[in-house]
């Protein structure tokens, strides 16, 4: 029987499998993720034990967060429906950032270089993700471990980001590539506008 390689083990395996405490926590998180509206957003901000969460943040329905103690959220951040955030390696989201529907932000990844051990038994890799102030990650984009997205950058819908994105760059595709840079004259609207679910 193959044995686990050295490194980080998923929590449920490290504890030897299923426990009642693990089960109850998952039920609690599932309930919390589904409470709708402003009440749900407020409960998610208060009951998740974030490393930090700024003011006027919106966390919509079905947002699923693993390792919230490693997640830092700035002021006026909008996290849309169905977003999945794994903050095992640390995730920081800057002020005024927009995270579109069903975006996946994963700071933890499988190591699959060796073939003598099943991937499910191999150790994982964890690396921090940073999303800069004013950035927009559009719907169903995937942000992988170790990536930094610069301030004011735009990640197109469905993009898979495997490398750093410069400030004010617009990227898209699989893997994501730079399409252009935002012009300083674009969108000179009121910076204090209300939240809008983008995606």
N, C-alpha and C. Protein backbone atom coordinates (compact mmCIF):
# COMPACT_ATOMS: atom_id res chain seq x y z
N UNK A 1 0.85 -1.20 0.00
CA UNK A 1 0.00 0.00 0.00
C UNK A 1 0.88 1.25 0.00
N UNK A 2 0.67 2.22 -0.89
CA UNK A 2 1.48 3.43 -0.90
C UNK A 2 1.33 4.20 0.40
N UNK A 3 2.37 4.91 0.77
CA UNK A 3 2.33 5.75 1.96
C UNK A 3 2.41 7.21 1.56
N UNK A 4 1.92 8.05 2.44
CA UNK A 4 1.92 9.48 2.16
C UNK A 4 3.33 10.03 2.13
N UNK A 5 3.57 10.98 1.22
CA UNK A 5 4.85 11.66 1.18
C UNK A 5 4.88 12.75 2.24
N UNK A 6 6.05 13.27 2.53
CA UNK A 6 6.18 14.33 3.52
C UNK A 6 5.49 15.59 3.03
N UNK A 7 5.05 16.41 3.96
CA UNK A 7 4.43 17.68 3.63
C UNK A 7 3.11 17.84 4.34
N UNK A 8 2.32 18.81 3.87
CA UNK A 8 1.03 19.11 4.49
C UNK A 8 0.03 18.04 4.13
N UNK A 9 -0.67 17.54 5.13
CA UNK A 9 -1.73 16.57 4.90
C UNK A 9 -3.07 17.27 5.07
N UNK A 10 -4.07 16.97 4.22
CA UNK A 10 -5.40 17.54 4.44
C UNK A 10 -5.89 17.23 5.85
N UNK A 11 -6.61 18.18 6.43
CA UNK A 11 -6.99 18.07 7.83
C UNK A 11 -7.73 16.77 8.14
N UNK A 12 -8.66 16.37 7.27
CA UNK A 12 -9.47 15.18 7.58
C UNK A 12 -8.62 13.93 7.57
N UNK A 13 -7.61 13.86 6.77
CA UNK A 13 -6.72 12.70 6.79
C UNK A 13 -5.81 12.74 8.02
N UNK A 14 -5.35 13.93 8.37
CA UNK A 14 -4.46 14.06 9.53
C UNK A 14 -5.17 13.61 10.80
N UNK A 15 -6.49 13.78 10.85
CA UNK A 15 -7.26 13.37 12.03
C UNK A 15 -7.69 11.92 11.96
N UNK A 16 -7.29 11.24 10.88
CA UNK A 16 -7.64 9.84 10.77
C UNK A 16 -8.98 9.59 10.11
N UNK A 17 -9.56 10.62 9.48
CA UNK A 17 -10.83 10.43 8.77
C UNK A 17 -11.95 11.24 9.38
N UNK A 18 -13.17 10.75 9.20
CA UNK A 18 -14.36 11.46 9.64
C UNK A 18 -14.42 11.57 11.16
N UNK A 19 -14.85 12.75 11.66
CA UNK A 19 -15.17 12.92 13.08
C UNK A 19 -16.48 13.69 13.18
N UNK A 20 -17.14 13.58 14.31
CA UNK A 20 -18.40 14.29 14.51
C UNK A 20 -18.17 15.80 14.45
N UNK A 21 -17.07 16.27 15.05
CA UNK A 21 -16.78 17.69 15.02
C UNK A 21 -16.61 18.22 13.60
N UNK A 22 -15.89 17.45 12.78
CA UNK A 22 -15.70 17.83 11.38
C UNK A 22 -17.05 17.92 10.67
N UNK A 23 -17.90 16.92 10.92
CA UNK A 23 -19.22 16.89 10.28
C UNK A 23 -20.05 18.10 10.69
N UNK A 24 -20.08 18.42 11.97
CA UNK A 24 -20.88 19.56 12.44
C UNK A 24 -20.37 20.88 11.89
N UNK A 25 -19.05 21.02 11.78
CA UNK A 25 -18.50 22.25 11.21
C UNK A 25 -18.90 22.41 9.75
N UNK A 26 -18.91 21.30 8.99
CA UNK A 26 -19.30 21.39 7.59
C UNK A 26 -20.78 21.77 7.46
N UNK A 27 -21.62 21.22 8.31
CA UNK A 27 -23.04 21.59 8.28
C UNK A 27 -23.21 23.07 8.61
N UNK A 28 -22.47 23.54 9.61
CA UNK A 28 -22.56 24.95 9.97
C UNK A 28 -22.12 25.86 8.84
N UNK A 29 -21.02 25.51 8.18
CA UNK A 29 -20.54 26.32 7.07
C UNK A 29 -21.53 26.31 5.91
N UNK A 30 -22.13 25.13 5.65
CA UNK A 30 -23.11 25.04 4.56
C UNK A 30 -24.32 25.93 4.85
N UNK A 31 -24.80 25.92 6.09
CA UNK A 31 -25.92 26.78 6.45
C UNK A 31 -25.54 28.25 6.31
N UNK A 32 -24.37 28.61 6.82
CA UNK A 32 -23.93 30.00 6.79
C UNK A 32 -23.79 30.52 5.37
N UNK A 33 -23.34 29.66 4.46
CA UNK A 33 -23.12 30.11 3.09
C UNK A 33 -24.43 30.39 2.35
N UNK A 34 -25.53 29.85 2.85
CA UNK A 34 -26.80 29.95 2.12
C UNK A 34 -27.75 31.02 2.65
N UNK A 35 -27.44 31.65 3.75
CA UNK A 35 -28.32 32.69 4.27
C UNK A 35 -28.29 33.88 3.31
N UNK A 36 -29.45 34.33 2.80
CA UNK A 36 -29.45 35.34 1.74
C UNK A 36 -29.35 36.77 2.25
N UNK A 37 -29.12 37.68 1.28
CA UNK A 37 -29.23 39.11 1.51
C UNK A 37 -28.19 39.71 2.43
N UNK A 38 -28.53 40.92 2.90
CA UNK A 38 -27.63 41.66 3.77
C UNK A 38 -27.41 40.97 5.10
N UNK A 39 -28.45 40.28 5.60
CA UNK A 39 -28.29 39.54 6.86
C UNK A 39 -27.26 38.43 6.69
N UNK A 40 -27.36 37.69 5.59
CA UNK A 40 -26.38 36.64 5.33
C UNK A 40 -24.98 37.17 5.20
N UNK A 41 -24.83 38.29 4.48
CA UNK A 41 -23.51 38.89 4.33
C UNK A 41 -22.93 39.29 5.67
N UNK A 42 -23.77 39.90 6.52
CA UNK A 42 -23.31 40.31 7.85
C UNK A 42 -22.89 39.10 8.69
N UNK A 43 -23.69 38.02 8.63
CA UNK A 43 -23.35 36.82 9.40
C UNK A 43 -22.04 36.21 8.92
N UNK A 44 -21.85 36.17 7.61
CA UNK A 44 -20.61 35.61 7.09
C UNK A 44 -19.41 36.44 7.51
N UNK A 45 -19.55 37.76 7.52
CA UNK A 45 -18.43 38.61 7.95
C UNK A 45 -18.11 38.40 9.43
N UNK A 46 -19.15 38.17 10.22
CA UNK A 46 -18.93 38.10 11.67
C UNK A 46 -18.58 36.71 12.17
N UNK A 47 -19.13 35.68 11.54
CA UNK A 47 -18.96 34.33 12.07
C UNK A 47 -17.75 33.60 11.50
N UNK A 48 -17.34 33.94 10.28
CA UNK A 48 -16.06 33.42 9.79
C UNK A 48 -14.95 34.12 10.56
N UNK A 49 -13.99 33.37 11.00
CA UNK A 49 -12.90 33.97 11.77
C UNK A 49 -11.78 34.41 10.83
N UNK A 50 -12.06 35.49 10.08
CA UNK A 50 -11.08 36.00 9.13
C UNK A 50 -9.86 36.57 9.85
N UNK A 51 -8.72 36.54 9.18
CA UNK A 51 -7.55 37.24 9.71
C UNK A 51 -7.87 38.73 9.83
N UNK A 52 -8.60 39.27 8.84
CA UNK A 52 -9.07 40.66 8.89
C UNK A 52 -10.17 40.81 7.85
N UNK A 53 -11.15 41.65 8.16
CA UNK A 53 -12.22 41.96 7.22
C UNK A 53 -12.57 43.42 7.39
N UNK A 54 -12.43 44.20 6.29
CA UNK A 54 -12.66 45.64 6.35
C UNK A 54 -14.13 46.00 6.41
N UNK A 55 -14.40 47.28 6.28
CA UNK A 55 -15.76 47.79 6.38
C UNK A 55 -16.47 47.73 5.02
N UNK A 56 -17.79 47.70 5.07
CA UNK A 56 -18.64 47.77 3.88
C UNK A 56 -18.31 46.68 2.87
N UNK A 57 -18.09 45.46 3.35
CA UNK A 57 -17.82 44.32 2.47
C UNK A 57 -19.12 43.55 2.23
N UNK A 58 -19.25 43.00 1.04
CA UNK A 58 -20.43 42.23 0.69
C UNK A 58 -20.01 40.82 0.30
N UNK A 59 -20.49 39.83 1.05
CA UNK A 59 -20.22 38.42 0.77
C UNK A 59 -21.56 37.75 0.48
N UNK A 60 -21.84 37.53 -0.79
CA UNK A 60 -23.16 37.05 -1.19
C UNK A 60 -23.34 35.56 -0.96
N UNK A 61 -24.50 35.04 -1.37
CA UNK A 61 -24.88 33.67 -1.06
C UNK A 61 -23.92 32.66 -1.70
N UNK A 62 -23.80 31.53 -1.03
CA UNK A 62 -23.03 30.38 -1.51
C UNK A 62 -21.54 30.67 -1.66
N UNK A 63 -21.04 31.67 -0.97
CA UNK A 63 -19.59 31.87 -0.87
C UNK A 63 -19.05 30.81 0.09
N UNK A 64 -18.04 30.06 -0.36
CA UNK A 64 -17.48 28.97 0.43
C UNK A 64 -16.02 29.28 0.72
N UNK A 65 -15.65 29.33 1.99
CA UNK A 65 -14.30 29.74 2.38
C UNK A 65 -13.66 28.67 3.25
N UNK A 66 -12.51 28.19 2.80
CA UNK A 66 -11.69 27.27 3.60
C UNK A 66 -10.52 28.06 4.19
N UNK A 67 -10.16 27.74 5.43
CA UNK A 67 -9.08 28.41 6.16
C UNK A 67 -9.32 29.93 6.25
N UNK A 68 -10.49 30.35 6.75
CA UNK A 68 -10.77 31.80 6.83
C UNK A 68 -9.78 32.55 7.71
N UNK A 69 -9.11 31.83 8.61
CA UNK A 69 -8.12 32.50 9.47
C UNK A 69 -6.92 33.01 8.69
N UNK A 70 -6.78 32.59 7.43
CA UNK A 70 -5.68 33.05 6.57
C UNK A 70 -6.15 34.02 5.49
N UNK A 71 -7.38 34.52 5.62
CA UNK A 71 -7.96 35.40 4.60
C UNK A 71 -8.05 36.83 5.12
N UNK A 72 -7.48 37.76 4.35
CA UNK A 72 -7.56 39.19 4.66
C UNK A 72 -8.39 39.86 3.57
N UNK A 73 -9.46 40.54 3.98
CA UNK A 73 -10.35 41.24 3.05
C UNK A 73 -10.31 42.72 3.38
N UNK A 74 -10.09 43.56 2.37
CA UNK A 74 -10.03 45.01 2.57
C UNK A 74 -11.40 45.64 2.66
N UNK A 75 -11.44 46.96 2.56
CA UNK A 75 -12.69 47.72 2.64
C UNK A 75 -13.42 47.69 1.29
N UNK A 76 -14.75 47.71 1.33
CA UNK A 76 -15.62 47.85 0.15
C UNK A 76 -15.42 46.73 -0.87
N UNK A 77 -15.10 45.55 -0.40
CA UNK A 77 -14.89 44.41 -1.29
C UNK A 77 -16.23 43.74 -1.58
N UNK A 78 -16.45 43.35 -2.84
CA UNK A 78 -17.68 42.67 -3.25
C UNK A 78 -17.33 41.27 -3.72
N UNK A 79 -17.80 40.26 -2.98
CA UNK A 79 -17.59 38.86 -3.33
C UNK A 79 -18.95 38.29 -3.75
N UNK A 80 -19.10 37.94 -5.02
CA UNK A 80 -20.39 37.55 -5.58
C UNK A 80 -20.75 36.10 -5.24
N UNK A 81 -21.91 35.68 -5.72
CA UNK A 81 -22.45 34.36 -5.41
C UNK A 81 -21.56 33.23 -5.92
N UNK A 82 -21.46 32.18 -5.11
CA UNK A 82 -20.81 30.95 -5.54
C UNK A 82 -19.29 30.98 -5.58
N UNK A 83 -18.67 31.99 -5.02
CA UNK A 83 -17.21 32.07 -5.01
C UNK A 83 -16.64 31.04 -4.03
N UNK A 84 -15.55 30.40 -4.43
CA UNK A 84 -14.83 29.46 -3.56
C UNK A 84 -13.45 30.02 -3.29
N UNK A 85 -13.11 30.16 -2.02
CA UNK A 85 -11.79 30.66 -1.62
C UNK A 85 -11.14 29.64 -0.70
N UNK A 86 -10.00 29.13 -1.11
CA UNK A 86 -9.18 28.29 -0.25
C UNK A 86 -7.96 29.12 0.15
N UNK A 87 -7.90 29.49 1.42
CA UNK A 87 -6.84 30.38 1.90
C UNK A 87 -5.78 29.64 2.70
N UNK A 88 -5.58 28.35 2.40
CA UNK A 88 -4.57 27.57 3.13
C UNK A 88 -3.20 28.22 3.07
N UNK A 89 -2.85 28.77 1.90
CA UNK A 89 -1.55 29.42 1.73
C UNK A 89 -1.58 30.90 2.00
N UNK A 90 -2.74 31.44 2.34
CA UNK A 90 -2.90 32.87 2.58
C UNK A 90 -3.49 33.56 1.36
N UNK A 91 -4.56 34.33 1.57
CA UNK A 91 -5.19 35.12 0.51
C UNK A 91 -5.45 36.52 1.04
N UNK A 92 -5.10 37.53 0.24
CA UNK A 92 -5.38 38.92 0.59
C UNK A 92 -6.10 39.59 -0.56
N UNK A 93 -7.24 40.21 -0.26
CA UNK A 93 -8.04 40.91 -1.27
C UNK A 93 -8.08 42.38 -0.89
N UNK A 94 -7.60 43.23 -1.80
CA UNK A 94 -7.47 44.65 -1.52
C UNK A 94 -8.78 45.42 -1.58
N UNK A 95 -8.74 46.67 -1.10
CA UNK A 95 -9.91 47.54 -1.06
C UNK A 95 -10.55 47.67 -2.45
N UNK A 96 -11.88 47.74 -2.47
CA UNK A 96 -12.67 47.98 -3.67
C UNK A 96 -12.54 46.89 -4.72
N UNK A 97 -11.99 45.74 -4.39
CA UNK A 97 -11.89 44.65 -5.37
C UNK A 97 -13.27 44.04 -5.62
N UNK A 98 -13.46 43.56 -6.83
CA UNK A 98 -14.69 42.87 -7.23
C UNK A 98 -14.35 41.43 -7.59
N UNK A 99 -15.01 40.50 -6.94
CA UNK A 99 -14.83 39.08 -7.23
C UNK A 99 -16.15 38.56 -7.79
N UNK A 100 -16.16 38.20 -9.07
CA UNK A 100 -17.39 37.85 -9.77
C UNK A 100 -17.94 36.48 -9.39
N UNK A 101 -19.13 36.16 -9.88
CA UNK A 101 -19.78 34.90 -9.53
C UNK A 101 -18.94 33.68 -9.91
N UNK A 102 -18.92 32.72 -8.99
CA UNK A 102 -18.31 31.40 -9.19
C UNK A 102 -16.80 31.45 -9.50
N UNK A 103 -16.15 32.51 -9.09
CA UNK A 103 -14.68 32.57 -9.16
C UNK A 103 -14.10 31.56 -8.17
N UNK A 104 -12.97 30.96 -8.54
CA UNK A 104 -12.25 30.04 -7.65
C UNK A 104 -10.88 30.65 -7.35
N UNK A 105 -10.59 30.83 -6.07
CA UNK A 105 -9.30 31.36 -5.62
C UNK A 105 -8.69 30.30 -4.72
N UNK A 106 -7.64 29.64 -5.21
CA UNK A 106 -7.13 28.46 -4.52
C UNK A 106 -5.64 28.59 -4.25
N UNK A 107 -5.29 28.80 -2.98
CA UNK A 107 -3.88 28.97 -2.61
C UNK A 107 -3.24 27.65 -2.18
N UNK A 108 -3.89 26.55 -2.51
CA UNK A 108 -3.40 25.21 -2.17
C UNK A 108 -3.54 24.34 -3.41
N UNK A 109 -2.53 23.51 -3.67
CA UNK A 109 -2.54 22.72 -4.89
C UNK A 109 -1.93 21.36 -4.63
N UNK A 110 -2.30 20.37 -5.45
CA UNK A 110 -1.71 19.05 -5.37
C UNK A 110 -0.33 19.03 -6.01
N UNK A 111 0.55 18.21 -5.48
CA UNK A 111 1.85 17.94 -6.11
C UNK A 111 1.72 16.59 -6.80
N UNK A 112 2.02 16.56 -8.10
CA UNK A 112 1.77 15.33 -8.86
C UNK A 112 2.97 14.91 -9.71
N UNK A 113 4.18 15.38 -9.33
CA UNK A 113 5.37 15.07 -10.13
C UNK A 113 5.72 13.58 -10.10
N UNK A 114 5.63 12.96 -8.94
CA UNK A 114 5.98 11.55 -8.83
C UNK A 114 4.82 10.66 -9.25
N UNK A 115 5.14 9.45 -9.74
CA UNK A 115 4.09 8.53 -10.15
C UNK A 115 4.00 7.31 -9.24
N UNK A 116 4.88 7.24 -8.22
CA UNK A 116 4.88 6.09 -7.34
C UNK A 116 3.85 6.21 -6.22
N UNK A 117 3.31 7.42 -6.02
CA UNK A 117 2.32 7.65 -4.96
C UNK A 117 1.08 8.27 -5.60
N UNK A 118 -0.13 7.81 -5.28
CA UNK A 118 -1.34 8.44 -5.82
C UNK A 118 -1.39 9.93 -5.45
N UNK A 119 -1.91 10.72 -6.35
CA UNK A 119 -1.98 12.16 -6.11
C UNK A 119 -2.72 12.46 -4.81
N UNK A 120 -3.76 11.69 -4.50
CA UNK A 120 -4.53 11.94 -3.28
C UNK A 120 -3.72 11.70 -2.02
N UNK A 121 -2.60 10.96 -2.12
CA UNK A 121 -1.74 10.71 -0.97
C UNK A 121 -0.49 11.59 -0.96
N UNK A 122 -0.23 12.29 -2.05
CA UNK A 122 0.96 13.14 -2.12
C UNK A 122 0.74 14.41 -1.30
N UNK A 123 1.85 15.06 -0.95
CA UNK A 123 1.73 16.31 -0.18
C UNK A 123 1.21 17.43 -1.08
N UNK A 124 0.79 18.52 -0.46
CA UNK A 124 0.27 19.65 -1.22
C UNK A 124 1.25 20.80 -1.22
N UNK A 125 0.98 21.77 -2.08
CA UNK A 125 1.79 22.99 -2.16
C UNK A 125 0.89 24.16 -1.80
N UNK A 126 1.40 25.04 -0.92
CA UNK A 126 0.63 26.21 -0.51
C UNK A 126 1.46 27.46 -0.80
N UNK A 127 0.82 28.46 -1.41
CA UNK A 127 1.51 29.70 -1.73
C UNK A 127 0.48 30.83 -1.70
N UNK A 128 0.87 32.02 -1.23
CA UNK A 128 -0.10 33.10 -1.04
C UNK A 128 -0.61 33.68 -2.35
N UNK A 129 -1.84 34.17 -2.30
CA UNK A 129 -2.47 34.88 -3.41
C UNK A 129 -2.78 36.29 -2.93
N UNK A 130 -2.49 37.28 -3.78
CA UNK A 130 -2.83 38.67 -3.47
C UNK A 130 -3.60 39.27 -4.64
N UNK A 131 -4.74 39.85 -4.33
CA UNK A 131 -5.56 40.53 -5.34
C UNK A 131 -5.57 42.01 -4.97
N UNK A 132 -5.04 42.84 -5.85
CA UNK A 132 -4.80 44.24 -5.53
C UNK A 132 -6.06 45.07 -5.44
N UNK A 133 -5.91 46.25 -4.86
CA UNK A 133 -7.02 47.18 -4.69
C UNK A 133 -7.61 47.54 -6.05
N UNK A 134 -8.94 47.56 -6.12
CA UNK A 134 -9.63 47.96 -7.32
C UNK A 134 -9.60 46.97 -8.45
N UNK A 135 -9.08 45.78 -8.24
CA UNK A 135 -9.05 44.76 -9.30
C UNK A 135 -10.44 44.15 -9.47
N UNK A 136 -10.68 43.62 -10.66
CA UNK A 136 -11.94 42.93 -10.96
C UNK A 136 -11.61 41.56 -11.51
N UNK A 137 -12.04 40.52 -10.80
CA UNK A 137 -11.90 39.15 -11.26
C UNK A 137 -13.30 38.72 -11.72
N UNK A 138 -13.48 38.55 -13.03
CA UNK A 138 -14.82 38.29 -13.57
C UNK A 138 -15.23 36.84 -13.38
N UNK A 139 -16.47 36.56 -13.69
CA UNK A 139 -17.11 35.30 -13.33
C UNK A 139 -16.35 34.08 -13.85
N UNK A 140 -16.29 33.07 -12.99
CA UNK A 140 -15.73 31.75 -13.27
C UNK A 140 -14.25 31.76 -13.62
N UNK A 141 -13.55 32.83 -13.30
CA UNK A 141 -12.09 32.81 -13.42
C UNK A 141 -11.51 31.95 -12.31
N UNK A 142 -10.30 31.44 -12.53
CA UNK A 142 -9.59 30.62 -11.55
C UNK A 142 -8.25 31.29 -11.25
N UNK A 143 -7.98 31.53 -9.98
CA UNK A 143 -6.72 32.13 -9.54
C UNK A 143 -5.95 31.07 -8.79
N UNK A 144 -4.77 30.72 -9.27
CA UNK A 144 -4.01 29.60 -8.70
C UNK A 144 -3.00 30.07 -7.66
N UNK A 145 -2.47 29.12 -6.91
CA UNK A 145 -1.56 29.40 -5.79
C UNK A 145 -0.34 30.19 -6.24
N UNK A 146 0.03 31.18 -5.43
CA UNK A 146 1.24 31.95 -5.67
C UNK A 146 1.09 33.15 -6.58
N UNK A 147 -0.13 33.43 -7.04
CA UNK A 147 -0.36 34.51 -8.01
C UNK A 147 -0.63 35.83 -7.30
N UNK A 148 -0.09 36.91 -7.87
CA UNK A 148 -0.42 38.27 -7.45
C UNK A 148 -1.10 38.99 -8.60
N UNK A 149 -2.26 39.57 -8.32
CA UNK A 149 -2.98 40.37 -9.31
C UNK A 149 -2.84 41.82 -8.91
N UNK A 150 -2.29 42.64 -9.81
CA UNK A 150 -1.98 44.02 -9.47
C UNK A 150 -3.19 44.90 -9.30
N UNK A 151 -2.97 46.08 -8.74
CA UNK A 151 -4.05 47.03 -8.51
C UNK A 151 -4.71 47.42 -9.83
N UNK A 152 -6.03 47.46 -9.80
CA UNK A 152 -6.78 47.90 -10.96
C UNK A 152 -6.77 46.95 -12.14
N UNK A 153 -6.25 45.75 -11.98
CA UNK A 153 -6.22 44.79 -13.07
C UNK A 153 -7.60 44.19 -13.29
N UNK A 154 -7.80 43.64 -14.50
CA UNK A 154 -9.05 42.97 -14.85
C UNK A 154 -8.73 41.57 -15.34
N UNK A 155 -9.37 40.58 -14.73
CA UNK A 155 -9.23 39.18 -15.16
C UNK A 155 -10.54 38.79 -15.84
N UNK A 156 -10.47 38.43 -17.12
CA UNK A 156 -11.66 38.14 -17.89
C UNK A 156 -12.37 36.88 -17.43
N UNK A 157 -13.65 36.80 -17.76
CA UNK A 157 -14.47 35.66 -17.37
C UNK A 157 -13.87 34.36 -17.89
N UNK A 158 -13.79 33.36 -17.02
CA UNK A 158 -13.32 32.04 -17.41
C UNK A 158 -11.81 31.91 -17.54
N UNK A 159 -11.06 32.95 -17.26
CA UNK A 159 -9.60 32.89 -17.37
C UNK A 159 -9.02 32.00 -16.27
N UNK A 160 -7.89 31.40 -16.56
CA UNK A 160 -7.14 30.64 -15.56
C UNK A 160 -5.80 31.34 -15.38
N UNK A 161 -5.61 31.95 -14.21
CA UNK A 161 -4.44 32.78 -13.96
C UNK A 161 -3.38 31.95 -13.24
N UNK A 162 -2.26 31.74 -13.91
CA UNK A 162 -1.17 30.94 -13.36
C UNK A 162 0.09 31.76 -13.13
N UNK A 163 0.09 33.02 -13.58
CA UNK A 163 1.24 33.91 -13.40
C UNK A 163 0.75 35.26 -12.89
N UNK A 164 1.68 36.04 -12.34
CA UNK A 164 1.32 37.37 -11.83
C UNK A 164 0.73 38.24 -12.93
N UNK A 165 -0.21 39.10 -12.54
CA UNK A 165 -0.85 40.05 -13.46
C UNK A 165 -0.43 41.46 -13.06
N UNK A 166 0.18 42.22 -13.98
CA UNK A 166 0.62 43.58 -13.63
C UNK A 166 -0.56 44.49 -13.31
N UNK A 167 -0.28 45.57 -12.61
CA UNK A 167 -1.31 46.56 -12.30
C UNK A 167 -1.92 47.09 -13.59
N UNK A 168 -3.24 47.25 -13.59
CA UNK A 168 -4.04 47.81 -14.68
C UNK A 168 -4.02 46.99 -15.96
N UNK A 169 -3.49 45.77 -15.91
CA UNK A 169 -3.53 44.90 -17.08
C UNK A 169 -4.90 44.24 -17.21
N UNK A 170 -5.31 43.99 -18.44
CA UNK A 170 -6.52 43.21 -18.73
C UNK A 170 -6.05 41.87 -19.28
N UNK A 171 -6.41 40.78 -18.61
CA UNK A 171 -5.96 39.46 -19.04
C UNK A 171 -7.15 38.54 -19.29
N UNK A 172 -6.93 37.52 -20.12
CA UNK A 172 -7.97 36.56 -20.39
C UNK A 172 -7.38 35.32 -21.02
N UNK A 173 -8.17 34.25 -21.05
CA UNK A 173 -7.74 33.03 -21.70
C UNK A 173 -7.25 31.97 -20.74
N UNK A 174 -6.89 30.81 -21.32
CA UNK A 174 -6.40 29.66 -20.56
C UNK A 174 -5.10 29.18 -21.21
N UNK A 175 -3.95 29.38 -20.57
CA UNK A 175 -3.76 30.21 -19.38
C UNK A 175 -3.91 31.69 -19.71
N UNK A 176 -4.16 32.51 -18.71
CA UNK A 176 -4.42 33.93 -18.93
C UNK A 176 -3.19 34.63 -19.49
N UNK A 177 -3.44 35.51 -20.46
CA UNK A 177 -2.38 36.33 -21.07
C UNK A 177 -2.86 37.78 -21.13
N UNK A 178 -1.90 38.69 -21.19
CA UNK A 178 -2.24 40.11 -21.23
C UNK A 178 -2.86 40.45 -22.58
N UNK A 179 -4.03 41.08 -22.55
CA UNK A 179 -4.72 41.54 -23.75
C UNK A 179 -4.38 43.00 -24.03
N UNK A 180 -4.43 43.80 -22.98
CA UNK A 180 -4.09 45.21 -23.10
C UNK A 180 -3.95 45.77 -21.70
N UNK A 181 -3.68 47.08 -21.62
CA UNK A 181 -3.65 47.78 -20.34
C UNK A 181 -4.75 48.83 -20.32
N UNK A 182 -5.34 49.02 -19.16
CA UNK A 182 -6.38 50.03 -18.99
C UNK A 182 -5.79 51.42 -19.13
N UNK A 183 -6.51 52.29 -19.82
CA UNK A 183 -6.08 53.66 -20.00
C UNK A 183 -6.54 54.50 -18.82
N UNK A 184 -5.73 55.47 -18.45
CA UNK A 184 -6.08 56.31 -17.30
C UNK A 184 -7.37 57.08 -17.52
N UNK A 185 -7.77 57.28 -18.78
CA UNK A 185 -8.97 58.05 -19.08
C UNK A 185 -10.25 57.23 -19.01
N UNK A 186 -10.12 55.92 -18.85
CA UNK A 186 -11.30 55.06 -18.84
C UNK A 186 -12.15 55.27 -17.59
N UNK A 187 -13.44 55.18 -17.76
CA UNK A 187 -14.38 55.05 -16.64
C UNK A 187 -14.17 56.02 -15.52
N UNK A 188 -14.22 57.32 -15.81
CA UNK A 188 -13.99 58.31 -14.75
C UNK A 188 -15.27 58.55 -13.96
N UNK A 189 -15.89 57.48 -13.51
CA UNK A 189 -17.10 57.58 -12.71
C UNK A 189 -16.77 57.87 -11.26
N UNK A 190 -17.82 57.99 -10.46
CA UNK A 190 -17.66 58.24 -9.03
C UNK A 190 -17.08 57.01 -8.36
N UNK A 191 -15.92 57.13 -7.73
CA UNK A 191 -15.25 55.99 -7.10
C UNK A 191 -15.98 55.50 -5.88
N UNK A 192 -16.99 56.23 -5.42
CA UNK A 192 -17.70 55.83 -4.21
C UNK A 192 -19.06 55.23 -4.55
N UNK A 193 -19.21 54.75 -5.82
CA UNK A 193 -20.49 54.18 -6.22
C UNK A 193 -20.81 52.95 -5.38
N UNK A 194 -22.09 52.60 -5.36
CA UNK A 194 -22.52 51.45 -4.58
C UNK A 194 -22.08 50.14 -5.19
N UNK A 195 -22.26 49.06 -4.44
CA UNK A 195 -21.86 47.74 -4.91
C UNK A 195 -22.73 47.32 -6.08
N UNK A 196 -22.14 46.64 -7.03
CA UNK A 196 -22.88 45.99 -8.11
C UNK A 196 -22.26 44.64 -8.33
N UNK A 197 -23.08 43.62 -8.44
CA UNK A 197 -22.53 42.29 -8.66
C UNK A 197 -22.03 42.23 -10.09
N UNK A 198 -20.73 42.02 -10.24
CA UNK A 198 -20.13 42.00 -11.55
C UNK A 198 -19.84 40.57 -11.96
N UNK A 199 -19.66 40.35 -13.23
CA UNK A 199 -19.29 39.03 -13.67
C UNK A 199 -19.53 38.88 -15.14
